[in-house]
Amino acid sequence: MKIYTKTGDGGETSLFGGGRVPKDDARVEAYGAVDELNAAIGLARAHAPAPEIEGELARIQAELFAVGAELATPHEARAHGAIPGVRGEWAEALERQMDRWAEVLPPLTAFILPGGTPVAAALHVARATCRRAERRAVALSHLAHIDPTVVVYLNRLSDFLFEAARAANRNSGVAETLWVPRKGGG
């Protein structure tokens, strides 16, 4: 079976459940950003994070497939009933892990610069990508019905990825770099 179909050569793509839209459609932008996020998390996993972070990231990648399916499927499409739903418990699980990290991570007293270990840096990239996915989902929600749990999940996930980056640095004994604004604008 060939991977290419040539059906998108004219700048359109098919939605799950039927219908074709331009490749720059708000729905395609939203689920495309979630796909980018999933790839960024895969890159973070390739840097071999600690087992507690690895397990969370593996679960999150599977959850993101459900988020992408929700965004890729118009609510009115008959196929919408066949996709796995996005569950509120997923955001709650992220909160529980962040609460556990809060017990061992130093409190934030300043902005930190993204970076540190390769795992932490990749998690910061995933966090920024997650914020874009959240913005695209919000934009889509102004045009079409989407499950509001999607936006909640993406919002919580970006916080989680930030804290995971901090935890990865702490696990490796790498101090975070605080942002110190320069005086005089130069």
C-alpha atoms as a PDB file:
ATOM      1  CA  MET A   1       0.000   0.000   0.000  1.00  0.00           C
ATOM      2  CA  LYS A   2       1.348   3.413  -0.931  1.00  0.00           C
ATOM      3  CA  ILE A   3       1.456   6.147   1.692  1.00  0.00           C
ATOM      4  CA  TYR A   4       0.737   8.893  -0.792  1.00  0.00           C
ATOM      5  CA  THR A   5      -2.710   9.382  -2.324  1.00  0.00           C
ATOM      6  CA  LYS A   6      -2.245  12.605  -4.308  1.00  0.00           C
ATOM      7  CA  THR A   7      -5.737  13.662  -3.167  1.00  0.00           C
ATOM      8  CA  GLY A   8      -4.258  16.594  -1.247  1.00  0.00           C
ATOM      9  CA  ASP A   9      -2.221  17.990  -4.114  1.00  0.00           C
ATOM     10  CA  GLY A  10      -4.841  20.691  -4.701  1.00  0.00           C
ATOM     11  CA  GLY A  11      -4.573  22.030  -1.152  1.00  0.00           C
ATOM     12  CA  GLU A  12      -7.510  20.171   0.376  1.00  0.00           C
ATOM     13  CA  THR A  13      -7.769  17.286   2.826  1.00  0.00           C
ATOM     14  CA  SER A  14     -10.495  14.949   4.027  1.00  0.00           C
ATOM     15  CA  LEU A  15     -11.940  15.120   7.516  1.00  0.00           C
ATOM     16  CA  PHE A  16     -12.705  12.040   9.547  1.00  0.00           C
ATOM     17  CA  GLY A  17     -16.364  11.345   8.985  1.00  0.00           C
ATOM     18  CA  GLY A  18     -16.435  12.867   5.519  1.00  0.00           C
ATOM     19  CA  GLY A  19     -16.100  16.196   3.846  1.00  0.00           C
ATOM     20  CA  ARG A  20     -13.135  18.013   2.375  1.00  0.00           C
ATOM     21  CA  VAL A  21     -11.691  21.294   3.575  1.00  0.00           C
ATOM     22  CA  PRO A  22      -8.712  23.477   2.668  1.00  0.00           C
ATOM     23  CA  LYS A  23      -5.506  22.450   4.405  1.00  0.00           C
ATOM     24  CA  ASP A  24      -5.435  25.807   6.193  1.00  0.00           C
ATOM     25  CA  ASP A  25      -8.935  25.311   7.656  1.00  0.00           C
ATOM     26  CA  ALA A  26      -9.201  26.069  11.388  1.00  0.00           C
ATOM     27  CA  ARG A  27     -10.025  22.419  12.098  1.00  0.00           C
ATOM     28  CA  VAL A  28      -6.928  21.211  10.240  1.00  0.00           C
ATOM     29  CA  GLU A  29      -4.810  23.839  12.016  1.00  0.00           C
ATOM     30  CA  ALA A  30      -6.100  22.603  15.388  1.00  0.00           C
ATOM     31  CA  TYR A  31      -5.537  18.894  14.912  1.00  0.00           C
ATOM     32  CA  GLY A  32      -2.276  19.603  13.072  1.00  0.00           C
ATOM     33  CA  ALA A  33      -0.975  21.518  16.081  1.00  0.00           C
ATOM     34  CA  VAL A  34      -1.916  18.572  18.314  1.00  0.00           C
ATOM     35  CA  ASP A  35       0.018  16.287  15.949  1.00  0.00           C
ATOM     36  CA  GLU A  36       3.058  18.593  16.253  1.00  0.00           C
ATOM     37  CA  LEU A  37       2.681  18.449  20.032  1.00  0.00           C
ATOM     38  CA  ASN A  38       2.612  14.666  19.975  1.00  0.00           C
ATOM     39  CA  ALA A  39       5.790  14.641  17.872  1.00  0.00           C
ATOM     40  CA  ALA A  40       7.483  17.083  20.282  1.00  0.00           C
ATOM     41  CA  ILE A  41       6.610  14.807  23.187  1.00  0.00           C
ATOM     42  CA  GLY A  42       8.029  11.884  21.212  1.00  0.00           C
ATOM     43  CA  LEU A  43      11.261  13.827  20.859  1.00  0.00           C
ATOM     44  CA  ALA A  44      11.345  14.450  24.612  1.00  0.00           C
ATOM     45  CA  ARG A  45      10.832  10.722  25.186  1.00  0.00           C
ATOM     46  CA  ALA A  46      13.723   9.952  22.825  1.00  0.00           C
ATOM     47  CA  HIS A  47      15.999  11.729  25.323  1.00  0.00           C
ATOM     48  CA  ALA A  48      15.214   9.013  27.910  1.00  0.00           C
ATOM     49  CA  PRO A  49      13.567  10.928  30.746  1.00  0.00           C
ATOM     50  CA  ALA A  50      13.293   9.464  34.249  1.00  0.00           C
ATOM     51  CA  PRO A  51      10.750   6.627  34.510  1.00  0.00           C
ATOM     52  CA  GLU A  52       8.118   8.766  36.272  1.00  0.00           C
ATOM     53  CA  ILE A  53       8.214  11.302  33.432  1.00  0.00           C
ATOM     54  CA  GLU A  54       8.477   8.639  30.723  1.00  0.00           C
ATOM     55  CA  GLY A  55       5.340   6.865  31.921  1.00  0.00           C
ATOM     56  CA  GLU A  56       3.355  10.085  31.986  1.00  0.00           C
ATOM     57  CA  LEU A  57       4.524  11.065  28.500  1.00  0.00           C
ATOM     58  CA  ALA A  58       3.622   7.674  27.038  1.00  0.00           C
ATOM     59  CA  ARG A  59       0.089   7.984  28.424  1.00  0.00           C
ATOM     60  CA  ILE A  60      -0.200  11.577  27.202  1.00  0.00           C
ATOM     61  CA  GLN A  61       0.777  10.612  23.665  1.00  0.00           C
ATOM     62  CA  ALA A  62      -2.083   8.103  23.559  1.00  0.00           C
ATOM     63  CA  GLU A  63      -4.478  10.719  24.968  1.00  0.00           C
ATOM     64  CA  LEU A  64      -3.397  13.195  22.302  1.00  0.00           C
ATOM     65  CA  PHE A  65      -4.602  10.810  19.614  1.00  0.00           C
ATOM     66  CA  ALA A  66      -8.087  11.093  21.122  1.00  0.00           C
ATOM     67  CA  VAL A  67      -7.736  14.895  21.276  1.00  0.00           C
ATOM     68  CA  GLY A  68      -6.716  14.939  17.618  1.00  0.00           C
ATOM     69  CA  ALA A  69      -9.631  12.707  16.661  1.00  0.00           C
ATOM     70  CA  GLU A  70     -12.047  15.020  18.476  1.00  0.00           C
ATOM     71  CA  LEU A  71     -10.680  18.022  16.617  1.00  0.00           C
ATOM     72  CA  ALA A  72     -10.560  16.217  13.252  1.00  0.00           C
ATOM     73  CA  THR A  73     -14.173  15.062  13.397  1.00  0.00           C
ATOM     74  CA  PRO A  74     -17.004  17.548  12.955  1.00  0.00           C
ATOM     75  CA  HIS A  75     -19.456  17.161  15.831  1.00  0.00           C
ATOM     76  CA  GLU A  76     -22.359  16.682  13.420  1.00  0.00           C
ATOM     77  CA  ALA A  77     -20.597  13.862  11.522  1.00  0.00           C
ATOM     78  CA  ARG A  78     -21.985  10.404  12.162  1.00  0.00           C
ATOM     79  CA  ALA A  79     -18.413   9.207  12.758  1.00  0.00           C
ATOM     80  CA  HIS A  80     -18.175  11.469  15.809  1.00  0.00           C
ATOM     81  CA  GLY A  81     -19.906   8.810  17.887  1.00  0.00           C
ATOM     82  CA  ALA A  82     -17.165   6.313  17.006  1.00  0.00           C
ATOM     83  CA  ILE A  83     -14.186   8.309  18.261  1.00  0.00           C
ATOM     84  CA  PRO A  84     -12.866   7.978  21.806  1.00  0.00           C
ATOM     85  CA  GLY A  85     -13.899  10.889  23.979  1.00  0.00           C
ATOM     86  CA  VAL A  86     -11.573  13.282  25.748  1.00  0.00           C
ATOM     87  CA  ARG A  87     -12.015  12.652  29.454  1.00  0.00           C
ATOM     88  CA  GLY A  88     -11.869  15.189  32.251  1.00  0.00           C
ATOM     89  CA  GLU A  89      -9.981  12.680  34.378  1.00  0.00           C
ATOM     90  CA  TRP A  90      -6.976  13.161  32.123  1.00  0.00           C
ATOM     91  CA  ALA A  91      -6.540  16.774  33.252  1.00  0.00           C
ATOM     92  CA  GLU A  92      -7.046  15.672  36.850  1.00  0.00           C
ATOM     93  CA  ALA A  93      -4.263  13.083  36.482  1.00  0.00           C
ATOM     94  CA  LEU A  94      -1.941  15.833  35.227  1.00  0.00           C
ATOM     95  CA  GLU A  95      -2.870  17.960  38.244  1.00  0.00           C
ATOM     96  CA  ARG A  96      -2.121  15.107  40.664  1.00  0.00           C
ATOM     97  CA  GLN A  97       1.360  14.638  39.172  1.00  0.00           C
ATOM     98  CA  MET A  98       2.045  18.381  39.289  1.00  0.00           C
ATOM     99  CA  ASP A  99       0.975  18.385  42.950  1.00  0.00           C
ATOM    100  CA  ARG A 100       3.503  15.601  43.654  1.00  0.00           C
ATOM    101  CA  TRP A 101       6.250  17.590  41.937  1.00  0.00           C
ATOM    102  CA  ALA A 102       5.266  20.723  43.875  1.00  0.00           C
ATOM    103  CA  GLU A 103       6.290  18.916  47.049  1.00  0.00           C
ATOM    104  CA  VAL A 104       9.902  18.563  45.858  1.00  0.00           C
ATOM    105  CA  LEU A 105      10.488  21.381  43.355  1.00  0.00           C
ATOM    106  CA  PRO A 106      11.607  24.761  44.654  1.00  0.00           C
ATOM    107  CA  PRO A 107       8.923  27.422  44.453  1.00  0.00           C
ATOM    108  CA  LEU A 108       9.116  29.732  41.455  1.00  0.00           C
ATOM    109  CA  THR A 109      10.313  33.199  42.378  1.00  0.00           C
ATOM    110  CA  ALA A 110      11.209  34.402  38.881  1.00  0.00           C
ATOM    111  CA  PHE A 111      10.725  33.466  35.250  1.00  0.00           C
ATOM    112  CA  ILE A 112      13.036  30.717  34.058  1.00  0.00           C
ATOM    113  CA  LEU A 113      14.675  30.398  30.683  1.00  0.00           C
ATOM    114  CA  PRO A 114      13.776  27.224  28.777  1.00  0.00           C
ATOM    115  CA  GLY A 115      16.663  24.796  28.693  1.00  0.00           C
ATOM    116  CA  GLY A 116      18.800  22.713  30.973  1.00  0.00           C
ATOM    117  CA  THR A 117      19.134  19.057  30.106  1.00  0.00           C
ATOM    118  CA  PRO A 118      18.185  17.794  26.628  1.00  0.00           C
ATOM    119  CA  VAL A 119      15.049  16.217  28.142  1.00  0.00           C
ATOM    120  CA  ALA A 120      14.043  19.459  29.843  1.00  0.00           C
ATOM    121  CA  ALA A 121      14.730  21.531  26.735  1.00  0.00           C
ATOM    122  CA  ALA A 122      12.608  19.157  24.640  1.00  0.00           C
ATOM    123  CA  LEU A 123       9.816  19.372  27.225  1.00  0.00           C
ATOM    124  CA  HIS A 124       9.929  23.176  27.002  1.00  0.00           C
ATOM    125  CA  VAL A 125       9.559  22.911  23.212  1.00  0.00           C
ATOM    126  CA  ALA A 126       6.601  20.588  23.781  1.00  0.00           C
ATOM    127  CA  ARG A 127       5.121  23.112  26.244  1.00  0.00           C
ATOM    128  CA  ALA A 128       5.318  25.945  23.722  1.00  0.00           C
ATOM    129  CA  THR A 129       3.860  23.670  21.037  1.00  0.00           C
ATOM    130  CA  CYS A 130       1.060  22.757  23.431  1.00  0.00           C
ATOM    131  CA  ARG A 131       0.210  26.430  23.899  1.00  0.00           C
ATOM    132  CA  ARG A 132      -0.090  26.772  20.124  1.00  0.00           C
ATOM    133  CA  ALA A 133      -2.370  23.723  19.993  1.00  0.00           C
ATOM    134  CA  GLU A 134      -4.489  25.272  22.722  1.00  0.00           C
ATOM    135  CA  ARG A 135      -4.754  28.557  20.788  1.00  0.00           C
ATOM    136  CA  ARG A 136      -5.764  26.684  17.631  1.00  0.00           C
ATOM    137  CA  ALA A 137      -8.400  24.689  19.544  1.00  0.00           C
ATOM    138  CA  VAL A 138      -9.816  27.902  21.024  1.00  0.00           C
ATOM    139  CA  ALA A 139      -9.918  29.484  17.564  1.00  0.00           C
ATOM    140  CA  LEU A 140     -11.774  26.440  16.231  1.00  0.00           C
ATOM    141  CA  SER A 141     -14.221  26.581  19.135  1.00  0.00           C
ATOM    142  CA  HIS A 142     -15.324  30.023  17.906  1.00  0.00           C
ATOM    143  CA  LEU A 143     -16.247  28.503  14.538  1.00  0.00           C
ATOM    144  CA  ALA A 144     -17.502  25.013  15.346  1.00  0.00           C
ATOM    145  CA  HIS A 145     -18.562  22.909  18.286  1.00  0.00           C
ATOM    146  CA  ILE A 146     -15.725  21.072  20.006  1.00  0.00           C
ATOM    147  CA  ASP A 147     -15.743  19.335  23.347  1.00  0.00           C
ATOM    148  CA  PRO A 148     -14.693  22.033  25.876  1.00  0.00           C
ATOM    149  CA  THR A 149     -12.707  19.372  27.714  1.00  0.00           C
ATOM    150  CA  VAL A 150     -10.157  19.612  24.878  1.00  0.00           C
ATOM    151  CA  VAL A 151      -9.211  23.183  25.807  1.00  0.00           C
ATOM    152  CA  VAL A 152      -9.084  22.349  29.521  1.00  0.00           C
ATOM    153  CA  TYR A 153      -6.835  19.367  28.833  1.00  0.00           C
ATOM    154  CA  LEU A 154      -4.450  21.312  26.599  1.00  0.00           C
ATOM    155  CA  ASN A 155      -4.257  24.147  29.118  1.00  0.00           C
ATOM    156  CA  ARG A 156      -3.417  21.746  31.940  1.00  0.00           C
ATOM    157  CA  LEU A 157      -0.998  19.826  29.721  1.00  0.00           C
ATOM    158  CA  SER A 158       1.086  22.915  28.992  1.00  0.00           C
ATOM    159  CA  ASP A 159       1.424  23.513  32.759  1.00  0.00           C
ATOM    160  CA  PHE A 160       2.331  19.860  33.204  1.00  0.00           C
ATOM    161  CA  LEU A 161       5.041  20.016  30.522  1.00  0.00           C
ATOM    162  CA  PHE A 162       6.545  23.083  32.206  1.00  0.00           C
ATOM    163  CA  GLU A 163       6.698  21.284  35.548  1.00  0.00           C
ATOM    164  CA  ALA A 164       7.992  18.104  33.878  1.00  0.00           C
ATOM    165  CA  ALA A 165      10.864  20.141  32.427  1.00  0.00           C
ATOM    166  CA  ARG A 166      11.641  21.495  35.882  1.00  0.00           C
ATOM    167  CA  ALA A 167      11.484  17.976  37.329  1.00  0.00           C
ATOM    168  CA  ALA A 168      13.791  16.658  34.592  1.00  0.00           C
ATOM    169  CA  ASN A 169      16.368  19.314  35.413  1.00  0.00           C
ATOM    170  CA  ARG A 170      16.077  18.628  39.135  1.00  0.00           C
ATOM    171  CA  ASN A 171      16.412  14.862  38.572  1.00  0.00           C
ATOM    172  CA  SER A 172      19.705  15.533  36.755  1.00  0.00           C
ATOM    173  CA  GLY A 173      20.975  18.063  39.275  1.00  0.00           C
ATOM    174  CA  VAL A 174      20.852  20.890  36.740  1.00  0.00           C
ATOM    175  CA  ALA A 175      19.899  24.307  38.088  1.00  0.00           C
ATOM    176  CA  GLU A 176      17.418  26.336  36.104  1.00  0.00           C
ATOM    177  CA  THR A 177      18.525  29.623  34.631  1.00  0.00           C
ATOM    178  CA  LEU A 178      16.514  32.525  35.960  1.00  0.00           C
ATOM    179  CA  TRP A 179      15.567  35.331  33.626  1.00  0.00           C
ATOM    180  CA  VAL A 180      17.275  38.516  34.745  1.00  0.00           C
ATOM    181  CA  PRO A 181      16.000  41.482  32.749  1.00  0.00           C
ATOM    182  CA  ARG A 182      18.638  43.862  31.546  1.00  0.00           C
ATOM    183  CA  LYS A 183      18.374  47.450  32.625  1.00  0.00           C
ATOM    184  CA  GLY A 184      18.494  50.160  29.988  1.00  0.00           C
ATOM    185  CA  GLY A 185      16.983  48.030  27.233  1.00  0.00           C
ATOM    186  CA  GLY A 186      20.329  46.925  25.833  1.00  0.00           C
END
